[in-house]
């Protein structure tokens, strides 16, 4: 069975074609900096169109979809109704879901007879208890509008937790882990006995850690102040929080590799803020879990920046903990989901 996977991130596109009998990657493409100044591709549509692949030989195409809301609690085969529902969730993940929808539409146009599968980042976190996902807001906001914590990067947290269990030689359902997906988008997950019980991202992927261009945790009254006192529109505030904040807002660059090469104060501050926020979440999740069998670093920064890892681990609280660095493979996790779904359908 040959499965293609399209993973459209906020500014990147990963494509992999797998032979699922051997789990071998037959073709792989990575396109970064989409839509940024001087980039090769202005949109995800253009980037997808550039990939040369024979879709007629593919059994299914799996798509990473960031937000499934409360509509999707498991992977699904895409039809018109499903695509419409995914698109309705765009406001909840404005940097990602539109790119995910675009990926599905382009794939449908290139391979109209091929099965398309949507695999959601939010699915892994459906095991969170109610006290973890409900916000302290009037309850009708949840009942009527489904405003709650959803959590994201689920395919990554799921994949690395399974790999951690293999490395530790233990059953996943017996392990307590804190997994740290650190990249341009970043999140932390508390995993108890193999299941997500809390995570740093919330209603949208904006909450939590200091990210590339996203602010993470802030006082919500800042939003009101920006509108009331600064006269910013809802769309302008949205753009500031999602696209002009985080590392980019602090030091004008969102690439950690470049920031670490700089010696100015704003660059140093950006790194300190990133590290401090991660440390705070690890400490909080240690309190929730009680026993932590391992910290697991993954994602572009988590896997590749030894400096960031060491800076996070400088806290005396973390010095005796088992630390694993595991390369995530969201695409393989998505491909496995496709196979499972196709077998169930068959």
Protein backbone atom coordinates (compact mmCIF):
# COMPACT_ATOMS: atom_id res chain seq x y z
CA UNK A 1 0.00 0.00 0.00
CA UNK A 2 1.30 3.45 -0.98
CA UNK A 3 0.22 6.39 1.17
CA UNK A 4 1.04 10.04 0.50
CA UNK A 5 0.97 12.55 3.34
CA UNK A 6 0.57 16.32 3.04
CA UNK A 7 1.51 18.23 6.19
CA UNK A 8 0.86 21.92 5.65
CA UNK A 9 2.21 24.05 8.52
CA UNK A 10 1.77 27.77 9.06
CA UNK A 11 4.74 28.60 6.80
CA UNK A 12 5.91 25.19 5.58
CA UNK A 13 4.84 22.18 3.56
CA UNK A 14 6.03 18.62 4.07
CA UNK A 15 5.19 15.89 1.58
CA UNK A 16 6.05 12.22 2.00
CA UNK A 17 5.14 9.15 0.01
CA UNK A 18 5.35 5.86 1.95
CA UNK A 19 5.45 2.22 1.02
CA UNK A 20 3.49 1.05 4.05
CA UNK A 21 4.66 -2.56 3.83
CA UNK A 22 8.23 -1.50 4.56
CA UNK A 23 7.51 2.00 6.03
CA UNK A 24 10.07 3.22 3.51
CA UNK A 25 9.86 6.82 2.28
CA UNK A 26 9.68 6.72 -1.53
CA UNK A 27 9.56 10.47 -2.07
CA UNK A 28 10.00 13.44 0.23
CA UNK A 29 9.67 17.20 -0.20
CA UNK A 30 10.11 20.03 2.29
CA UNK A 31 9.23 23.61 1.38
CA UNK A 32 9.80 26.31 4.00
CA UNK A 33 9.18 30.05 4.45
CA UNK A 34 5.99 29.98 2.36
CA UNK A 35 4.51 33.46 2.05
CA UNK A 36 7.50 35.18 3.64
CA UNK A 37 9.39 37.99 1.98
CA UNK A 38 11.69 36.72 -0.75
CA UNK A 39 10.26 33.19 -0.55
CA UNK A 40 10.01 30.93 -3.60
CA UNK A 41 6.28 30.32 -3.07
CA UNK A 42 3.65 32.86 -2.10
CA UNK A 43 1.00 30.31 -1.06
CA UNK A 44 0.59 26.68 -0.05
CA UNK A 45 -1.35 26.18 -3.29
CA UNK A 46 1.70 27.17 -5.35
CA UNK A 47 3.97 24.99 -3.21
CA UNK A 48 1.70 21.94 -3.64
CA UNK A 49 1.43 22.46 -7.37
CA UNK A 50 5.23 22.29 -7.61
CA UNK A 51 5.43 18.72 -6.27
CA UNK A 52 5.94 16.18 -9.06
CA UNK A 53 4.26 12.93 -8.07
CA UNK A 54 2.28 10.21 -9.82
CA UNK A 55 -1.00 10.31 -7.91
CA UNK A 56 -2.44 7.42 -9.92
CA UNK A 57 -0.20 4.98 -8.03
CA UNK A 58 -1.31 6.17 -4.58
CA UNK A 59 -3.92 4.35 -2.47
CA UNK A 60 -4.72 7.28 -0.18
CA UNK A 61 -3.57 10.78 0.71
CA UNK A 62 -3.45 11.70 4.37
CA UNK A 63 -3.73 15.33 5.41
CA UNK A 64 -2.71 16.86 8.69
CA UNK A 65 -5.57 19.07 9.84
CA UNK A 66 -4.82 21.19 12.88
CA UNK A 67 -8.26 21.89 14.33
CA UNK A 68 -11.07 19.36 14.52
CA UNK A 69 -13.07 21.27 17.12
CA UNK A 70 -15.68 19.10 18.81
CA UNK A 71 -16.85 17.93 15.39
CA UNK A 72 -14.01 15.50 14.72
CA UNK A 73 -12.75 13.18 17.44
CA UNK A 74 -11.06 10.70 15.10
CA UNK A 75 -9.59 10.55 11.61
CA UNK A 76 -12.09 10.61 8.74
CA UNK A 77 -12.33 10.05 4.99
CA UNK A 78 -12.92 13.43 3.35
CA UNK A 79 -16.07 14.13 1.38
CA UNK A 80 -17.79 17.43 0.61
CA UNK A 81 -19.55 17.58 3.99
CA UNK A 82 -16.34 16.87 5.89
CA UNK A 83 -14.40 19.50 3.94
CA UNK A 84 -17.10 22.09 4.60
CA UNK A 85 -16.98 21.28 8.32
CA UNK A 86 -13.18 21.56 8.40
CA UNK A 87 -13.37 24.91 6.63
CA UNK A 88 -15.92 26.14 9.18
CA UNK A 89 -13.22 25.72 11.83
CA UNK A 90 -10.78 28.11 10.06
CA UNK A 91 -11.35 30.92 12.60
CA UNK A 92 -10.07 28.62 15.37
CA UNK A 93 -6.72 28.01 13.65
CA UNK A 94 -6.24 30.92 11.22
CA UNK A 95 -2.58 30.13 10.48
CA UNK A 96 -3.17 26.44 9.79
CA UNK A 97 -6.66 25.23 8.87
CA UNK A 98 -6.85 27.37 5.69
CA UNK A 99 -3.54 25.82 4.56
CA UNK A 100 -4.85 22.33 5.44
CA UNK A 101 -8.05 22.93 3.44
CA UNK A 102 -6.00 24.22 0.51
CA UNK A 103 -3.89 21.07 0.63
CA UNK A 104 -6.98 18.87 0.46
CA UNK A 105 -8.49 20.85 -2.45
CA UNK A 106 -5.29 20.71 -4.51
CA UNK A 107 -4.91 16.97 -3.82
CA UNK A 108 -8.54 16.39 -4.84
CA UNK A 109 -7.97 18.24 -8.10
CA UNK A 110 -4.81 16.26 -8.85
CA UNK A 111 -6.20 12.91 -7.73
CA UNK A 112 -10.02 13.00 -7.87
CA UNK A 113 -10.37 9.22 -7.52
CA UNK A 114 -7.90 8.82 -4.64
CA UNK A 115 -9.16 8.51 -1.05
CA UNK A 116 -8.38 11.62 1.01
CA UNK A 117 -8.07 11.24 4.79
CA UNK A 118 -8.08 14.03 7.39
CA UNK A 119 -6.04 13.37 10.55
CA UNK A 120 -6.56 15.95 13.29
CA UNK A 121 -4.03 17.43 15.71
CA UNK A 122 -6.75 17.67 18.32
CA UNK A 123 -7.67 13.96 18.44
CA UNK A 124 -4.85 12.90 20.80
CA UNK A 125 -6.04 15.38 23.42
CA UNK A 126 -9.65 14.16 23.58
CA UNK A 127 -8.57 12.12 26.63
CA UNK A 128 -8.14 15.28 28.73
CA UNK A 129 -10.47 15.41 31.75
CA UNK A 130 -13.13 18.11 31.84
CA UNK A 131 -11.31 20.10 34.50
CA UNK A 132 -8.39 20.40 32.08
CA UNK A 133 -10.31 21.50 29.01
CA UNK A 134 -13.03 23.76 30.43
CA UNK A 135 -12.16 27.45 30.84
CA UNK A 136 -13.37 29.42 33.88
CA UNK A 137 -15.89 31.31 31.76
CA UNK A 138 -19.71 31.36 31.79
CA UNK A 139 -20.59 27.75 31.04
CA UNK A 140 -22.94 28.66 28.20
CA UNK A 141 -19.87 29.72 26.20
CA UNK A 142 -18.89 26.07 26.15
CA UNK A 143 -22.39 24.67 25.81
CA UNK A 144 -23.42 26.99 22.96
CA UNK A 145 -20.13 27.94 21.29
CA UNK A 146 -17.80 25.05 22.26
CA UNK A 147 -15.19 27.42 23.71
CA UNK A 148 -12.78 25.08 25.47
CA UNK A 149 -9.21 23.84 25.42
CA UNK A 150 -8.58 21.50 22.47
CA UNK A 151 -4.80 21.13 22.28
CA UNK A 152 -2.70 20.64 19.15
CA UNK A 153 0.41 18.91 17.75
CA UNK A 154 -1.44 15.72 18.66
CA UNK A 155 0.13 13.59 15.93
CA UNK A 156 3.59 14.62 17.10
CA UNK A 157 2.93 14.09 20.82
CA UNK A 158 1.33 10.73 20.03
CA UNK A 159 4.21 9.57 17.82
CA UNK A 160 7.05 10.55 20.17
CA UNK A 161 5.28 9.08 23.20
CA UNK A 162 5.15 5.70 21.43
CA UNK A 163 8.80 6.01 20.44
CA UNK A 164 9.73 6.96 24.01
CA UNK A 165 8.05 3.80 25.28
CA UNK A 166 10.15 1.73 22.86
CA UNK A 167 13.37 3.46 23.97
CA UNK A 168 12.52 2.98 27.64
CA UNK A 169 11.51 -0.63 27.05
CA UNK A 170 8.16 -0.14 28.76
CA UNK A 171 4.50 -0.23 27.84
CA UNK A 172 3.17 3.20 26.91
CA UNK A 173 0.11 2.77 29.13
CA UNK A 174 2.42 2.51 32.15
CA UNK A 175 4.39 5.69 31.43
CA UNK A 176 4.10 9.30 32.57
CA UNK A 177 5.80 11.63 30.10
CA UNK A 178 6.16 15.33 29.41
CA UNK A 179 6.57 15.80 25.67
CA UNK A 180 7.88 19.09 24.30
CA UNK A 181 7.22 19.87 20.65
CA UNK A 182 9.40 22.93 20.11
CA UNK A 183 9.38 24.57 16.69
CA UNK A 184 7.96 27.69 15.05
CA UNK A 185 4.77 26.45 16.69
CA UNK A 186 5.39 24.92 20.11
CA UNK A 187 3.49 23.03 22.77
CA UNK A 188 3.98 20.89 25.86
CA UNK A 189 1.87 17.86 26.75
CA UNK A 190 1.40 16.02 30.05
CA UNK A 191 0.89 12.31 29.35
CA UNK A 192 -0.33 10.02 32.12
CA UNK A 193 -0.34 6.28 31.47
CA UNK A 194 0.00 6.99 27.75
CA UNK A 195 -2.87 9.49 27.50
CA UNK A 196 -2.90 13.27 27.22
CA UNK A 197 -4.23 14.85 30.42
CA UNK A 198 -3.19 18.46 29.74
CA UNK A 199 -1.46 20.53 27.08
CA UNK A 200 -0.28 24.10 26.67
CA UNK A 201 -2.20 25.06 23.54
CA UNK A 202 -5.88 25.77 24.07
CA UNK A 203 -8.97 26.91 22.14
CA UNK A 204 -6.59 27.75 19.27
CA UNK A 205 -2.86 27.15 18.71
CA UNK A 206 -2.19 30.67 20.07
CA UNK A 207 -2.12 29.80 23.78
CA UNK A 208 0.87 28.50 25.70
CA UNK A 209 4.57 28.82 24.91
CA UNK A 210 6.42 31.72 23.30
CA UNK A 211 6.44 30.74 19.61
CA UNK A 212 7.88 32.00 16.34
CA UNK A 213 5.26 34.66 15.68
CA UNK A 214 2.59 33.76 18.26
CA UNK A 215 2.46 35.36 21.70
CA UNK A 216 1.41 32.36 23.77
CA UNK A 217 0.02 33.12 27.23
CA UNK A 218 -0.90 36.77 27.85
CA UNK A 219 -3.35 38.65 30.05
CA UNK A 220 -6.59 38.59 28.00
CA UNK A 221 -7.26 42.19 29.06
CA UNK A 222 -4.42 43.20 26.73
CA UNK A 223 -6.72 42.36 23.82
CA UNK A 224 -9.41 44.66 25.21
CA UNK A 225 -6.84 47.41 25.76
CA UNK A 226 -5.57 47.14 22.19
CA UNK A 227 -9.11 47.54 20.89
CA UNK A 228 -10.40 50.11 23.34
CA UNK A 229 -7.36 52.36 23.83
CA UNK A 230 -5.33 51.78 20.66
CA UNK A 231 -8.30 51.57 18.29
CA UNK A 232 -7.22 48.30 16.67
CA UNK A 233 -9.84 46.24 14.87
CA UNK A 234 -10.49 42.58 15.64
CA UNK A 235 -8.55 41.57 12.51
CA UNK A 236 -5.64 43.84 13.42
CA UNK A 237 -5.43 42.37 16.93
CA UNK A 238 -5.58 38.87 15.47
CA UNK A 239 -2.71 39.68 13.15
CA UNK A 240 -0.60 41.13 15.97
CA UNK A 241 -1.11 38.11 18.25
CA UNK A 242 -0.67 35.41 15.59
CA UNK A 243 1.77 36.90 13.09
CA UNK A 244 3.71 39.73 14.72
CA UNK A 245 4.36 38.48 18.25
CA UNK A 246 6.46 35.73 19.85
CA UNK A 247 10.14 35.71 18.98
CA UNK A 248 9.42 37.87 15.93
CA UNK A 249 7.82 40.54 18.08
CA UNK A 250 10.65 40.54 20.62
CA UNK A 251 13.67 40.63 18.30
CA UNK A 252 12.33 40.96 14.71
CA UNK A 253 13.27 37.36 13.73
CA UNK A 254 11.42 34.09 14.32
CA UNK A 255 14.23 31.66 13.43
CA UNK A 256 15.96 30.42 16.61
CA UNK A 257 19.08 29.49 14.66
CA UNK A 258 19.56 33.09 13.57
CA UNK A 259 18.60 34.51 16.96
CA UNK A 260 21.25 32.39 18.69
CA UNK A 261 23.91 33.83 16.37
CA UNK A 262 23.08 37.37 17.49
CA UNK A 263 24.52 39.02 20.59
CA UNK A 264 22.17 41.98 21.00
CA UNK A 265 19.94 42.33 24.05
CA UNK A 266 16.64 41.76 22.23
CA UNK A 267 17.89 38.42 20.87
CA UNK A 268 19.09 37.34 24.31
CA UNK A 269 15.75 38.37 25.83
CA UNK A 270 13.81 36.36 23.24
CA UNK A 271 15.72 33.17 24.10
CA UNK A 272 15.36 33.74 27.84
CA UNK A 273 11.61 34.22 27.48
CA UNK A 274 11.25 31.08 25.35
CA UNK A 275 13.22 29.00 27.87
CA UNK A 276 11.48 30.42 30.93
CA UNK A 277 8.00 29.69 29.57
CA UNK A 278 8.92 26.07 28.79
CA UNK A 279 10.37 25.63 32.28
CA UNK A 280 7.17 26.95 33.86
CA UNK A 281 5.06 24.42 31.96
CA UNK A 282 7.34 21.49 32.79
CA UNK A 283 7.14 22.41 36.48
CA UNK A 284 3.36 22.66 36.35
CA UNK A 285 3.02 19.30 34.60
CA UNK A 286 5.38 17.65 37.06
CA UNK A 287 2.95 18.75 39.77
CA UNK A 288 0.00 17.26 37.87
CA UNK A 289 1.70 13.96 37.06
CA UNK A 290 3.54 13.40 40.33
CA UNK A 291 5.90 10.91 38.71
CA UNK A 292 7.59 11.73 35.40
CA UNK A 293 9.42 8.89 33.65
CA UNK A 294 10.96 11.09 30.97
CA UNK A 295 11.07 14.49 29.34
CA UNK A 296 10.86 14.13 25.55
CA UNK A 297 12.16 16.87 23.26
CA UNK A 298 11.01 16.98 19.64
CA UNK A 299 10.26 19.46 16.83
CA UNK A 300 12.76 21.53 14.86
CA UNK A 301 14.11 23.37 17.91
CA UNK A 302 13.67 20.55 20.40
CA UNK A 303 15.53 18.06 18.19
CA UNK A 304 18.28 20.29 16.85
CA UNK A 305 19.14 23.00 19.38
CA UNK A 306 21.32 21.57 22.12
CA UNK A 307 21.68 25.08 23.56
CA UNK A 308 17.93 25.47 24.05
CA UNK A 309 17.60 22.00 25.58
CA UNK A 310 20.47 22.61 28.00
CA UNK A 311 19.11 26.03 28.94
CA UNK A 312 15.71 24.52 29.76
CA UNK A 313 17.31 21.73 31.79
CA UNK A 314 19.39 24.15 33.90
CA UNK A 315 16.61 24.19 36.48
CA UNK A 316 17.71 22.08 39.49
CA UNK A 317 14.23 20.52 39.43
CA UNK A 318 14.94 18.77 36.12
CA UNK A 319 18.56 17.62 36.60
CA UNK A 320 17.85 14.03 37.61
CA UNK A 321 15.14 13.43 35.03
CA UNK A 322 15.41 11.01 32.11
CA UNK A 323 15.71 13.13 28.96
CA UNK A 324 15.05 11.82 25.45
CA UNK A 325 15.48 13.58 22.12
CA UNK A 326 13.24 11.94 19.52
CA UNK A 327 12.81 13.02 15.95
CA UNK A 328 9.11 13.37 15.35
CA UNK A 329 7.49 11.82 12.31
CA UNK A 330 4.02 13.28 12.06
CA UNK A 331 3.78 12.08 8.47
CA UNK A 332 4.34 8.42 9.41
CA UNK A 333 1.77 8.77 12.21
CA UNK A 334 -0.71 10.18 9.68
CA UNK A 335 0.08 7.41 7.19
CA UNK A 336 -0.53 4.79 9.90
CA UNK A 337 -3.90 6.43 10.64
CA UNK A 338 -4.77 6.20 6.92
CA UNK A 339 -3.99 2.49 6.83
CA UNK A 340 -6.06 1.87 9.97
CA UNK A 341 -9.01 3.78 8.53
CA UNK A 342 -8.85 2.07 5.14
CA UNK A 343 -8.78 -1.37 6.81
CA UNK A 344 -11.80 -0.44 8.94
CA UNK A 345 -13.64 0.81 5.87
CA UNK A 346 -12.69 -2.31 3.92
